[in-house]
Protein backbone atom coordinates (compact mmCIF):
# COMPACT_ATOMS: atom_id res chain seq x y z
CA MET A 1 -83.53 -5.02 -41.63
CA ARG A 2 -81.89 -5.58 -37.89
CA LYS A 3 -84.19 -4.54 -35.51
CA GLN A 4 -82.11 -4.21 -32.48
CA SER A 5 -82.42 -0.32 -30.38
CA TRP A 6 -78.85 0.61 -30.88
CA ILE A 7 -76.27 0.21 -33.21
CA PRO A 8 -72.99 1.64 -34.32
CA LEU A 9 -73.02 4.69 -36.26
CA PRO A 10 -71.35 4.23 -39.36
CA GLU A 11 -73.43 0.77 -39.31
CA VAL A 12 -76.91 2.73 -39.19
CA THR A 13 -77.45 3.05 -42.75
CA GLU A 14 -76.98 -1.36 -44.03
CA ALA A 15 -78.27 -2.25 -40.61
CA THR A 16 -82.01 -0.24 -41.07
CA GLU A 17 -81.77 -0.74 -45.37
CA GLY A 18 -81.21 2.99 -46.03
CA GLN A 19 -84.39 3.80 -44.11
CA ILE A 20 -81.99 5.85 -41.49
CA ALA A 21 -79.29 7.10 -43.79
CA VAL A 22 -76.09 8.11 -42.38
CA GLY A 23 -73.64 10.66 -44.76
CA HIS A 24 -70.76 12.56 -44.04
CA THR A 25 -70.47 12.71 -39.93
CA GLY A 26 -68.27 15.79 -40.05
CA LEU A 27 -66.20 14.04 -36.88
CA PRO A 28 -62.26 14.12 -36.98
CA VAL A 29 -59.93 11.15 -37.91
CA GLY A 30 -58.88 9.60 -34.96
CA LEU A 31 -62.18 9.21 -33.38
CA ASP A 32 -63.42 5.67 -32.72
CA GLN A 33 -66.96 5.74 -34.68
CA GLU A 34 -67.87 2.54 -33.90
CA ARG A 35 -68.32 3.62 -29.87
CA LEU A 36 -71.40 6.13 -31.10
CA GLU A 37 -74.37 4.09 -30.86
CA VAL A 38 -77.48 5.72 -32.26
CA ASN A 39 -80.70 4.91 -31.34
CA VAL A 40 -82.59 3.72 -34.12
CA GLY A 41 -85.52 1.79 -32.37
CA ALA A 42 -86.33 5.45 -31.43
CA LEU A 43 -85.78 7.18 -34.63
CA ARG A 44 -88.02 4.66 -35.84
CA ARG A 45 -90.66 5.28 -33.63
CA GLY A 46 -90.48 9.12 -33.07
CA VAL A 47 -89.38 10.11 -36.40
CA ILE A 48 -91.03 7.24 -38.87
CA ASN A 49 -94.41 5.27 -37.26
CA PHE A 50 -95.89 8.27 -35.17
CA GLY A 51 -93.85 11.12 -37.34
CA GLY A 52 -94.81 9.76 -40.79
CA TYR A 53 -91.87 9.94 -42.84
CA SER A 54 -90.80 7.33 -44.62
CA ALA A 55 -86.82 7.72 -44.08
CA MET A 56 -84.33 9.51 -42.66
CA THR A 57 -81.41 11.26 -43.12
CA LEU A 58 -78.69 12.54 -40.37
CA ALA A 59 -74.88 14.34 -42.32
CA ALA A 60 -72.58 17.12 -40.95
CA TYR A 61 -72.07 20.37 -43.22
CA ALA A 62 -69.22 22.54 -42.26
CA GLY A 63 -70.83 25.80 -41.94
CA ASP A 64 -70.23 29.24 -40.43
CA ALA A 65 -68.72 29.80 -36.70
CA ASP A 66 -69.50 32.12 -33.84
CA GLN A 67 -68.02 35.61 -34.51
CA TYR A 68 -66.78 37.02 -31.36
CA GLY A 69 -66.55 40.78 -31.24
CA TYR A 70 -64.05 42.81 -28.89
CA SER A 71 -64.88 47.05 -27.83
CA ALA A 72 -63.06 49.07 -25.49
CA SER A 73 -64.07 51.97 -24.76
CA SER A 74 -62.42 54.76 -22.31
CA THR A 75 -63.08 59.02 -21.31
CA GLY A 76 -61.38 61.11 -18.46
CA GLY A 77 -61.61 64.82 -17.16
CA SER A 78 -60.12 66.50 -14.97
CA GLY A 79 -57.24 63.95 -14.11
CA THR A 80 -59.63 61.41 -14.36
CA GLY A 81 -61.05 58.41 -16.34
CA THR A 82 -63.40 55.55 -17.25
CA ALA A 83 -63.02 52.20 -19.53
CA ALA A 84 -65.56 49.59 -20.86
CA PHE A 85 -65.14 47.07 -22.45
CA GLY A 86 -67.67 44.51 -23.98
CA VAL A 87 -67.70 41.41 -25.91
CA THR A 88 -70.40 40.61 -28.53
CA ILE A 89 -71.33 37.41 -29.87
CA GLN A 90 -73.10 36.13 -32.91
CA LYS A 91 -73.85 32.62 -33.11
CA ALA A 92 -74.00 30.62 -36.04
CA GLU A 93 -76.21 28.13 -36.80
CA SER A 94 -75.91 24.69 -35.15
CA ALA A 95 -78.27 22.09 -37.03
CA ASN A 96 -81.06 22.65 -38.95
CA ASN A 97 -83.69 20.03 -40.75
CA ASP A 98 -84.73 19.45 -44.31
CA VAL A 99 -88.55 18.24 -44.64
CA LEU A 100 -88.83 17.31 -47.59
CA SER A 101 -92.66 15.72 -47.66
CA ASP A 102 -94.70 14.86 -51.17
CA VAL A 103 -97.93 16.76 -51.65
CA TYR A 104 -99.86 13.73 -53.02
CA LEU A 105 -99.31 11.58 -50.48
CA ASN A 106 -98.71 13.57 -47.72
CA ARG A 107 -102.69 14.93 -49.08
CA ARG A 108 -103.85 11.20 -48.11
CA ASN A 109 -102.51 11.04 -44.91
CA ILE A 110 -99.97 7.38 -46.50
CA ARG A 111 -96.61 7.44 -44.91
CA ASN A 112 -94.03 9.62 -47.00
CA GLY A 113 -91.28 11.85 -47.58
CA SER A 114 -87.65 12.27 -45.54
CA LEU A 115 -86.52 14.47 -42.71
CA GLY A 116 -82.60 15.37 -43.05
CA VAL A 117 -81.14 16.53 -39.85
CA GLN A 118 -77.71 18.02 -40.64
CA TRP A 119 -75.48 19.42 -37.77
CA ASN A 120 -72.71 22.25 -38.47
CA SER A 121 -69.19 20.34 -37.40
CA THR A 122 -67.48 23.64 -37.63
CA VAL A 123 -69.81 25.26 -34.62
CA LEU A 124 -69.98 21.79 -32.36
CA ASN A 125 -66.37 21.71 -32.99
CA GLN A 126 -66.20 25.30 -31.87
CA GLN A 127 -67.98 24.20 -29.01
CA LEU A 128 -65.50 21.64 -27.56
CA GLU A 129 -61.91 21.65 -26.21
CA ILE A 130 -59.35 19.66 -28.27
CA HIS A 131 -59.01 16.91 -26.38
CA GLU A 132 -62.53 16.62 -26.04
CA GLN A 133 -62.96 16.36 -29.35
CA TYR A 134 -62.12 13.21 -29.42
CA GLU A 135 -63.92 11.82 -27.05
CA PRO A 136 -66.62 9.50 -27.81
CA ALA A 137 -68.43 10.88 -24.81
CA ALA A 138 -68.05 14.99 -25.80
CA ARG A 139 -69.76 13.97 -29.39
CA ALA A 140 -72.82 11.28 -28.33
CA ARG A 141 -74.14 14.47 -25.87
CA GLN A 142 -73.72 16.73 -28.79
CA LEU A 143 -75.02 14.48 -32.05
CA ASP A 144 -77.71 13.72 -29.62
CA ARG A 145 -78.99 16.71 -28.67
CA VAL A 146 -79.07 18.45 -31.99
CA ILE A 147 -80.50 14.81 -33.88
CA ARG A 148 -83.31 15.03 -31.44
CA ALA A 149 -84.32 19.18 -31.67
CA GLN A 150 -84.13 18.71 -35.54
CA SER A 151 -86.20 16.02 -34.97
CA ILE A 152 -88.65 16.77 -33.52
CA LYS A 153 -89.37 20.16 -35.28
CA GLY A 154 -89.61 18.27 -38.49
CA VAL A 155 -91.95 15.85 -37.19
CA THR A 156 -94.10 19.22 -35.80
CA ALA A 157 -93.53 20.63 -39.23
CA HIS A 158 -94.24 17.25 -41.45
CA ASN A 159 -98.19 16.65 -39.71
CA ILE A 160 -98.89 20.50 -39.17
CA PRO A 161 -98.00 23.28 -41.56
CA GLU A 162 -96.87 21.04 -44.68
CA TYR A 163 -99.73 18.93 -43.83
CA LEU A 164 -102.07 21.99 -44.13
CA LYS A 165 -100.38 23.81 -47.02
CA THR A 166 -101.34 20.61 -49.19
CA LYS A 167 -104.96 20.89 -48.92
CA ASP A 168 -106.87 22.64 -50.91
CA LYS A 169 -108.80 26.10 -49.16
CA PHE A 170 -112.01 24.69 -49.77
CA PHE A 171 -110.99 21.63 -47.74
CA ARG A 172 -108.44 23.08 -45.17
CA HIS A 173 -111.37 25.62 -43.87
CA ALA A 174 -113.55 22.42 -44.15
CA ASP A 175 -111.74 20.76 -42.07
CA ILE A 176 -110.32 22.81 -39.07
CA GLY A 177 -114.16 24.12 -38.96
CA PHE A 178 -115.07 20.23 -38.12
CA ASP A 179 -111.94 20.68 -35.40
CA LEU A 180 -113.66 23.27 -33.96
CA TYR A 181 -117.21 22.09 -33.70
CA PHE A 182 -116.12 18.76 -32.00
CA LEU A 183 -113.64 20.57 -29.89
CA GLY A 184 -116.87 22.72 -28.69
CA VAL A 185 -119.12 20.30 -28.46
CA MET A 186 -116.71 18.13 -26.16
CA THR A 187 -115.68 21.63 -24.10
CA ALA A 188 -119.19 22.01 -23.72
CA ASN A 189 -120.60 18.86 -22.77
CA MET A 190 -116.95 18.62 -20.35
CA ILE A 191 -118.80 21.92 -18.56
CA GLU A 192 -122.35 20.19 -18.23
CA GLY A 193 -120.58 17.10 -16.90
CA ASP A 194 -122.10 14.66 -18.97
CA ALA A 195 -118.59 13.09 -19.19
CA GLN A 196 -121.03 9.90 -21.51
CA ALA A 197 -121.69 12.60 -24.23
CA ALA A 198 -118.10 13.70 -24.69
CA ALA A 199 -116.97 9.80 -24.71
CA GLY A 200 -119.64 8.57 -27.59
CA PHE A 201 -118.42 12.20 -29.50
CA LEU A 202 -114.85 10.78 -28.72
CA THR A 203 -115.47 7.63 -30.01
CA THR A 204 -117.24 8.79 -32.73
CA ARG A 205 -113.41 10.15 -33.61
CA LEU A 206 -111.16 7.47 -33.30
CA VAL A 207 -113.34 5.05 -34.80
CA LEU A 208 -112.98 7.01 -38.32
CA GLY A 209 -109.45 8.45 -37.72
CA LEU A 210 -108.04 4.51 -36.48
CA GLY A 211 -110.42 2.59 -38.81
CA ILE A 212 -112.76 3.31 -41.25
CA PHE A 213 -110.34 6.28 -42.85
CA PRO A 214 -107.52 3.31 -42.79
CA ALA A 215 -109.70 0.65 -44.25
CA ILE A 216 -110.99 3.41 -47.45
CA ASN A 217 -107.07 3.78 -48.07
CA THR A 218 -106.25 0.08 -48.00
CA LEU A 219 -109.47 -0.72 -49.69
CA THR A 220 -109.41 2.17 -52.45
CA ARG A 221 -105.47 2.95 -53.08
CA LYS A 222 -104.05 -0.80 -51.87
CA ILE A 223 -102.09 1.31 -49.46
CA PRO A 224 -100.86 -0.89 -46.21
CA TRP A 225 -102.79 -0.32 -43.11
CA ARG A 226 -100.09 0.37 -40.75
CA GLU A 227 -98.68 2.95 -43.37
CA SER A 228 -102.02 5.17 -43.41
CA ILE A 229 -101.06 7.78 -40.96
CA TYR A 230 -104.59 9.51 -40.49
CA ASP A 231 -104.74 11.12 -36.76
CA PRO A 232 -106.80 9.65 -34.40
CA VAL A 233 -109.07 12.84 -33.37
CA PHE A 234 -108.02 15.59 -35.52
CA TRP A 235 -109.17 16.13 -39.03
CA SER A 236 -107.03 19.39 -40.35
CA SER A 237 -103.91 18.80 -39.18
CA ARG A 238 -102.15 15.85 -37.35
CA PRO A 239 -101.61 17.11 -34.14
CA LEU A 240 -101.77 13.89 -31.82
CA ARG A 241 -99.68 12.26 -34.07
CA ALA A 242 -96.74 15.27 -33.68
CA THR A 243 -97.29 15.51 -30.20
CA ALA A 244 -96.70 11.23 -30.01
CA ALA A 245 -93.74 11.67 -32.64
CA ALA A 246 -92.35 14.28 -30.58
CA GLY A 247 -92.81 13.39 -27.22
CA VAL A 248 -91.00 9.85 -28.00
CA LEU A 249 -87.92 11.92 -29.35
CA ALA A 250 -87.76 14.43 -26.19
CA THR A 251 -88.21 11.13 -23.66
CA SER A 252 -85.58 9.22 -25.71
CA LYS A 253 -81.42 9.12 -25.29
CA LEU A 254 -81.04 8.77 -28.96
CA VAL A 255 -76.83 9.21 -29.45
CA ARG A 256 -74.54 7.37 -26.87
CA ALA A 257 -71.42 6.45 -26.40
CA VAL A 258 -69.85 3.14 -25.25
CA SER A 259 -66.43 1.82 -23.95
C-alpha cells in the first residue's frame, strides 16, 4: 500500500489495496483523469483512522437532473395590462452516501464497515458549461466539494446515530446517564473554579477511553490497539472522534488538478 498522500484518480484503488476504492467516475471521455489527484492521506486520517471505517468507496451514478419550470400570467382592464413571469427550480440530489456499519464490531468499538460516497454525474455535468466539462480544474472543484460534504455526513453517522443504534436499550440509556453525570460534574467543578478536580475527573475518563478499554479489546478479543475506536471521553457515542474526523476532512483539500 503506497503511503504517499496524493494519488491520480485511476490509481487510487490499486495504490490503497482497495481500502479506498474508486468505481465508475461518470467523467466524460476525453477528460484526462490522470490529472485529477485524490488526497488519500487525508481520507485515511478522516474516514479510516478517526472516522472508524475499514474502507471507503468513491463512484458516480446517473441520477435526475435539476428541473426548471416557467410560468407567465397577465391581467388587464380598461386598456391596461400587467404581466408576471416566474421560474421554479426543483433541485436534484447532487450526491449521497451509504453508511454500512457492522453492528457487532461497531458496538464493540472496533474499526468496521465502509463508507460509500456517490456523486450524481448528471447534476455535475449540468452545473458546467460544455467546455468546462473537460477541464480538470473544474472537475476537481466539484469532486472536492461533494466528497468532503458526504464524507463528513458519513463519519458523523457512523460514530453517533449508528453507534447508538447498535446498543441495547438499557446500556444506551446507562451510557447516556454516565455521560450526563460526567458533563454535570465537570461543569460544576469549572463553575466553582476547582480546575484540579475537573482535570482529575477528565484524566480518569481519558485513561479509560484511551488505555483500559482498548487494552481489554487487545487482551480478550485479540484486536490490535490501533483498531479500537473508543471515544477518548464519551461512552454513549463517539462525538469527539466524529468531530476530529470531520475537522480533518473540512480543513483538507481532497481532490486537486495538476498540470
